[in-house]
């Protein structure tokens, strides 16, 4: 069983690294726009996203061709016995963090875990003494598991994370220095919306909402896909019309123009 746990851990690390590297290869050049909706007619077999990307990218939640199979099984509740404990466990931890400090939550979780493992070992020792068996340490198979992080994987992760950070810095420079006026205006509107979100919710509340949305919105979309797609198409057309009007009214800062 210990070997199985080690294989699962290595597989998760490999999926995260490989998926992030795939994301990096598809990052558009600074200044280019990329739609969030993938046209299935243009890509026959799109690459599956990593576990991490599948969980933090809302546009991937509703596209099963991009969604990682492990995440899909969880958020679409293929196996409620697996999805329910993960959803409830993480939600309880997030709720605890809203009332207690991170140090307190970690300390209490660690303390309860230690009490549980200590009580279990004492129980097993008593059973072994009564039955006169030599089963040994009850956690021996877990103690033999190699928990050290592979140095190569850590280096790969840092390299990919650095590349993403650099791409983000270049994009922020483009937006703040108004290389394209329309994109900068859109960015300004987003920041204005975030000021209202910040006044209504704190960061932990938004994380809790996002976690609840991850396990509810995909299932709701699956049950009402036709109606939701129709309404989203109306919104998309309206946004496209407004964008075109703005570009026509402000014919400066368009892409392709060289800065003087």
Protein backbone atom coordinates (compact mmCIF):
# COMPACT_ATOMS: atom_id res chain seq x y z
CA UNK A 1 0.00 0.00 0.00
CA UNK A 2 2.91 2.32 0.72
CA UNK A 3 4.22 1.79 -2.80
CA UNK A 4 0.77 2.64 -4.19
CA UNK A 5 0.72 5.92 -2.23
CA UNK A 6 4.17 6.80 -3.55
CA UNK A 7 3.04 6.08 -7.13
CA UNK A 8 -0.05 8.27 -6.67
CA UNK A 9 2.06 11.13 -5.26
CA UNK A 10 4.53 10.91 -8.13
CA UNK A 11 1.69 10.80 -10.65
CA UNK A 12 0.11 13.96 -9.20
CA UNK A 13 3.44 15.80 -9.33
CA UNK A 14 4.03 14.66 -12.92
CA UNK A 15 0.52 15.76 -13.96
CA UNK A 16 0.96 19.21 -12.45
CA UNK A 17 4.38 19.77 -14.01
CA UNK A 18 3.44 18.39 -17.43
CA UNK A 19 0.15 20.27 -17.49
CA UNK A 20 1.74 23.58 -16.53
CA UNK A 21 4.42 23.10 -19.20
CA UNK A 22 1.68 22.50 -21.76
CA UNK A 23 -0.03 25.70 -20.61
CA UNK A 24 3.22 27.60 -21.00
CA UNK A 25 3.67 26.43 -24.58
CA UNK A 26 0.23 27.75 -25.46
CA UNK A 27 0.58 31.14 -23.75
CA UNK A 28 -0.11 33.84 -26.39
CA UNK A 29 2.45 36.49 -27.14
CA UNK A 30 2.08 39.78 -25.23
CA UNK A 31 -0.49 42.04 -26.88
CA UNK A 32 -2.53 39.25 -28.44
CA UNK A 33 -6.05 38.37 -27.39
CA UNK A 34 -7.22 34.81 -26.91
CA UNK A 35 -10.81 33.67 -26.55
CA UNK A 36 -11.78 31.58 -23.56
CA UNK A 37 -14.12 29.37 -25.54
CA UNK A 38 -12.44 26.58 -27.50
CA UNK A 39 -14.03 25.67 -30.83
CA UNK A 40 -14.16 21.89 -31.01
CA UNK A 41 -14.18 22.00 -34.81
CA UNK A 42 -10.74 23.62 -34.82
CA UNK A 43 -9.08 21.16 -32.44
CA UNK A 44 -9.78 17.47 -32.87
CA UNK A 45 -8.01 16.29 -29.72
CA UNK A 46 -7.17 19.22 -27.40
CA UNK A 47 -4.66 18.48 -24.65
CA UNK A 48 -6.03 17.83 -21.19
CA UNK A 49 -5.17 20.49 -18.64
CA UNK A 50 -3.26 19.73 -15.47
CA UNK A 51 -5.03 19.05 -12.19
CA UNK A 52 -4.03 22.47 -10.87
CA UNK A 53 -5.18 24.36 -13.97
CA UNK A 54 -8.44 22.38 -14.14
CA UNK A 55 -9.29 23.53 -10.61
CA UNK A 56 -8.31 27.21 -10.80
CA UNK A 57 -9.42 28.03 -14.38
CA UNK A 58 -13.22 28.51 -14.51
CA UNK A 59 -13.33 28.39 -18.31
CA UNK A 60 -11.99 24.81 -18.15
CA UNK A 61 -14.67 23.59 -15.74
CA UNK A 62 -17.31 23.48 -18.47
CA UNK A 63 -15.16 22.05 -21.27
CA UNK A 64 -14.74 18.31 -20.74
CA UNK A 65 -12.31 18.10 -23.65
CA UNK A 66 -9.86 20.20 -21.66
CA UNK A 67 -10.83 19.18 -18.13
CA UNK A 68 -8.52 16.75 -16.37
CA UNK A 69 -10.34 13.40 -15.88
CA UNK A 70 -9.57 13.30 -12.15
CA UNK A 71 -11.00 16.77 -11.60
CA UNK A 72 -13.97 15.98 -13.84
CA UNK A 73 -14.87 12.95 -11.72
CA UNK A 74 -14.79 15.13 -8.61
CA UNK A 75 -16.66 18.27 -9.68
CA UNK A 76 -19.29 16.40 -11.71
CA UNK A 77 -19.92 14.07 -8.74
CA UNK A 78 -19.31 10.86 -10.68
CA UNK A 79 -18.66 9.16 -7.32
CA UNK A 80 -20.39 11.03 -4.46
CA UNK A 81 -18.50 8.96 -1.90
CA UNK A 82 -15.29 10.49 -3.22
CA UNK A 83 -16.49 14.01 -4.04
CA UNK A 84 -18.43 14.65 -0.83
CA UNK A 85 -15.54 14.11 1.64
CA UNK A 86 -13.13 16.22 -0.41
CA UNK A 87 -15.63 19.05 -0.87
CA UNK A 88 -16.75 19.01 2.78
CA UNK A 89 -13.24 18.61 4.20
CA UNK A 90 -11.72 21.53 2.30
CA UNK A 91 -14.83 23.67 2.94
CA UNK A 92 -14.56 23.06 6.69
CA UNK A 93 -10.89 24.08 6.64
CA UNK A 94 -11.67 27.25 4.67
CA UNK A 95 -14.50 28.15 7.05
CA UNK A 96 -12.17 27.59 10.00
CA UNK A 97 -9.65 29.97 8.46
CA UNK A 98 -12.28 32.72 8.40
CA UNK A 99 -12.66 32.55 12.20
CA UNK A 100 -9.20 31.46 13.31
CA UNK A 101 -5.66 32.28 12.25
CA UNK A 102 -3.78 30.01 9.88
CA UNK A 103 -1.40 29.02 12.67
CA UNK A 104 -4.31 28.00 14.92
CA UNK A 105 -5.98 25.92 12.21
CA UNK A 106 -2.76 24.11 11.35
CA UNK A 107 -1.97 23.56 15.03
CA UNK A 108 -5.43 22.14 15.82
CA UNK A 109 -5.46 19.89 12.76
CA UNK A 110 -2.00 18.62 13.58
CA UNK A 111 -2.96 18.10 17.22
CA UNK A 112 -6.10 16.13 16.35
CA UNK A 113 -4.13 14.05 13.86
CA UNK A 114 -1.45 13.32 16.45
CA UNK A 115 -4.06 12.34 19.05
CA UNK A 116 -5.73 10.02 16.54
CA UNK A 117 -2.51 8.29 15.46
CA UNK A 118 -1.30 7.98 19.07
CA UNK A 119 -4.60 6.49 20.22
CA UNK A 120 -4.60 4.07 17.28
CA UNK A 121 -1.06 2.89 18.03
CA UNK A 122 -1.84 2.36 21.73
CA UNK A 123 -4.96 0.42 20.73
CA UNK A 124 -3.00 -1.78 18.32
CA UNK A 125 -0.30 -2.39 20.94
CA UNK A 126 -2.93 -3.49 23.45
CA UNK A 127 -4.53 -5.82 20.87
CA UNK A 128 -1.13 -7.30 20.01
CA UNK A 129 -0.34 -7.84 23.70
CA UNK A 130 -3.66 -9.56 24.31
CA UNK A 131 -3.51 -11.73 21.19
CA UNK A 132 0.28 -12.19 21.53
CA UNK A 133 0.93 -11.34 17.91
CA UNK A 134 4.03 -9.75 16.41
CA UNK A 135 2.50 -7.45 13.80
CA UNK A 136 4.95 -4.68 14.65
CA UNK A 137 4.39 -0.96 14.19
CA UNK A 138 0.86 -0.24 12.81
CA UNK A 139 2.17 2.56 10.58
CA UNK A 140 5.27 0.75 9.33
CA UNK A 141 4.17 0.79 5.68
CA UNK A 142 3.63 4.55 5.84
CA UNK A 143 6.93 5.16 7.63
CA UNK A 144 8.71 3.47 4.71
CA UNK A 145 7.19 5.86 2.17
CA UNK A 146 9.70 8.31 0.70
CA UNK A 147 8.20 11.77 1.28
CA UNK A 148 11.19 13.72 -0.04
CA UNK A 149 10.39 16.04 -2.95
CA UNK A 150 12.22 15.08 -6.18
CA UNK A 151 14.81 17.78 -6.81
CA UNK A 152 14.32 17.63 -10.57
CA UNK A 153 10.56 18.12 -10.26
CA UNK A 154 10.98 21.07 -7.91
CA UNK A 155 13.41 22.70 -10.34
CA UNK A 156 11.03 22.12 -13.27
CA UNK A 157 8.14 23.60 -11.31
CA UNK A 158 10.17 26.67 -10.35
CA UNK A 159 11.28 27.13 -13.96
CA UNK A 160 7.72 26.96 -15.30
CA UNK A 161 6.41 29.22 -12.52
CA UNK A 162 9.12 31.78 -13.31
CA UNK A 163 8.20 31.74 -16.99
CA UNK A 164 4.53 32.36 -16.16
CA UNK A 165 5.47 35.17 -13.78
CA UNK A 166 7.58 36.84 -16.45
CA UNK A 167 4.74 36.58 -18.97
CA UNK A 168 2.36 38.12 -16.43
CA UNK A 169 4.76 41.00 -15.75
CA UNK A 170 5.06 41.72 -19.48
CA UNK A 171 1.28 41.73 -19.85
CA UNK A 172 0.83 44.05 -16.85
CA UNK A 173 3.42 46.44 -18.27
CA UNK A 174 1.50 46.48 -21.56
CA UNK A 175 -1.78 47.24 -19.80
CA UNK A 176 -0.51 49.88 -17.37
CA UNK A 177 1.51 51.71 -20.02
CA UNK A 178 -1.50 51.71 -22.39
CA UNK A 179 0.07 49.95 -25.37
CA UNK A 180 -3.50 49.27 -26.52
CA UNK A 181 -6.09 51.76 -25.27
CA UNK A 182 -9.09 49.41 -25.52
CA UNK A 183 -7.37 46.62 -23.58
CA UNK A 184 -6.25 49.09 -20.91
CA UNK A 185 -9.79 50.42 -20.58
CA UNK A 186 -11.08 46.85 -20.16
CA UNK A 187 -8.41 46.29 -17.52
CA UNK A 188 -9.50 49.49 -15.77
CA UNK A 189 -13.12 48.31 -15.73
CA UNK A 190 -11.99 45.01 -14.22
CA UNK A 191 -10.06 46.84 -11.49
CA UNK A 192 -13.10 49.01 -10.80
CA UNK A 193 -15.25 45.90 -10.39
CA UNK A 194 -12.64 44.42 -8.06
CA UNK A 195 -12.88 47.49 -5.80
CA UNK A 196 -16.55 46.67 -5.26
CA UNK A 197 -15.79 42.98 -4.70
CA UNK A 198 -13.18 43.98 -2.14
CA UNK A 199 -15.72 46.10 -0.27
CA UNK A 200 -18.25 43.26 -0.22
CA UNK A 201 -16.02 40.24 0.41
CA UNK A 202 -12.61 39.52 1.85
CA UNK A 203 -10.13 37.20 0.18
CA UNK A 204 -11.07 34.09 2.17
CA UNK A 205 -14.77 34.58 1.42
CA UNK A 206 -13.98 34.69 -2.30
CA UNK A 207 -11.95 31.49 -1.97
CA UNK A 208 -14.88 29.78 -0.24
CA UNK A 209 -17.28 30.97 -2.95
CA UNK A 210 -14.89 29.74 -5.64
CA UNK A 211 -14.58 26.34 -3.98
CA UNK A 212 -18.37 26.01 -3.71
CA UNK A 213 -18.74 27.12 -7.33
CA UNK A 214 -16.23 24.48 -8.45
CA UNK A 215 -18.46 21.70 -7.09
CA UNK A 216 -21.83 23.21 -8.07
CA UNK A 217 -21.68 25.29 -11.27
CA UNK A 218 -20.41 22.51 -13.59
CA UNK A 219 -23.20 20.20 -12.45
CA UNK A 220 -25.80 22.96 -12.87
CA UNK A 221 -24.44 23.75 -16.33
CA UNK A 222 -24.62 20.09 -17.32
CA UNK A 223 -28.32 19.96 -16.34
CA UNK A 224 -29.26 23.25 -18.07
CA UNK A 225 -26.69 23.52 -20.86
CA UNK A 226 -29.06 24.55 -23.65
CA UNK A 227 -30.64 27.47 -21.79
CA UNK A 228 -27.35 28.70 -20.34
CA UNK A 229 -25.57 28.57 -23.72
CA UNK A 230 -28.38 30.56 -25.34
CA UNK A 231 -28.20 33.31 -22.70
CA UNK A 232 -24.39 33.41 -22.80
CA UNK A 233 -24.46 33.81 -26.57
CA UNK A 234 -26.75 36.85 -26.21
CA UNK A 235 -24.35 38.38 -23.67
CA UNK A 236 -21.34 37.61 -25.88
CA UNK A 237 -22.95 39.33 -28.88
CA UNK A 238 -23.80 42.41 -26.82
CA UNK A 239 -20.26 42.65 -25.46
CA UNK A 240 -18.85 42.28 -28.98
CA UNK A 241 -21.12 45.10 -30.23
CA UNK A 242 -20.08 47.40 -27.39
CA UNK A 243 -16.41 46.62 -27.97
CA UNK A 244 -16.68 47.41 -31.66
CA UNK A 245 -18.42 50.72 -30.90
CA UNK A 246 -15.68 51.65 -28.43
CA UNK A 247 -12.96 50.81 -30.93
CA UNK A 248 -14.71 52.84 -33.62
CA UNK A 249 -15.13 55.82 -31.31
CA UNK A 250 -11.54 55.67 -30.05
CA UNK A 251 -9.39 54.79 -33.09
CA UNK A 252 -6.08 55.00 -31.29
CA UNK A 253 -3.86 52.48 -29.61
CA UNK A 254 -4.89 49.68 -31.92
CA UNK A 255 -2.79 46.57 -32.20
CA UNK A 256 -0.14 46.49 -34.86
CA UNK A 257 0.71 50.17 -34.53
CA UNK A 258 4.28 50.93 -33.53
CA UNK A 259 4.83 53.27 -30.66
CA UNK A 260 6.50 56.48 -31.75
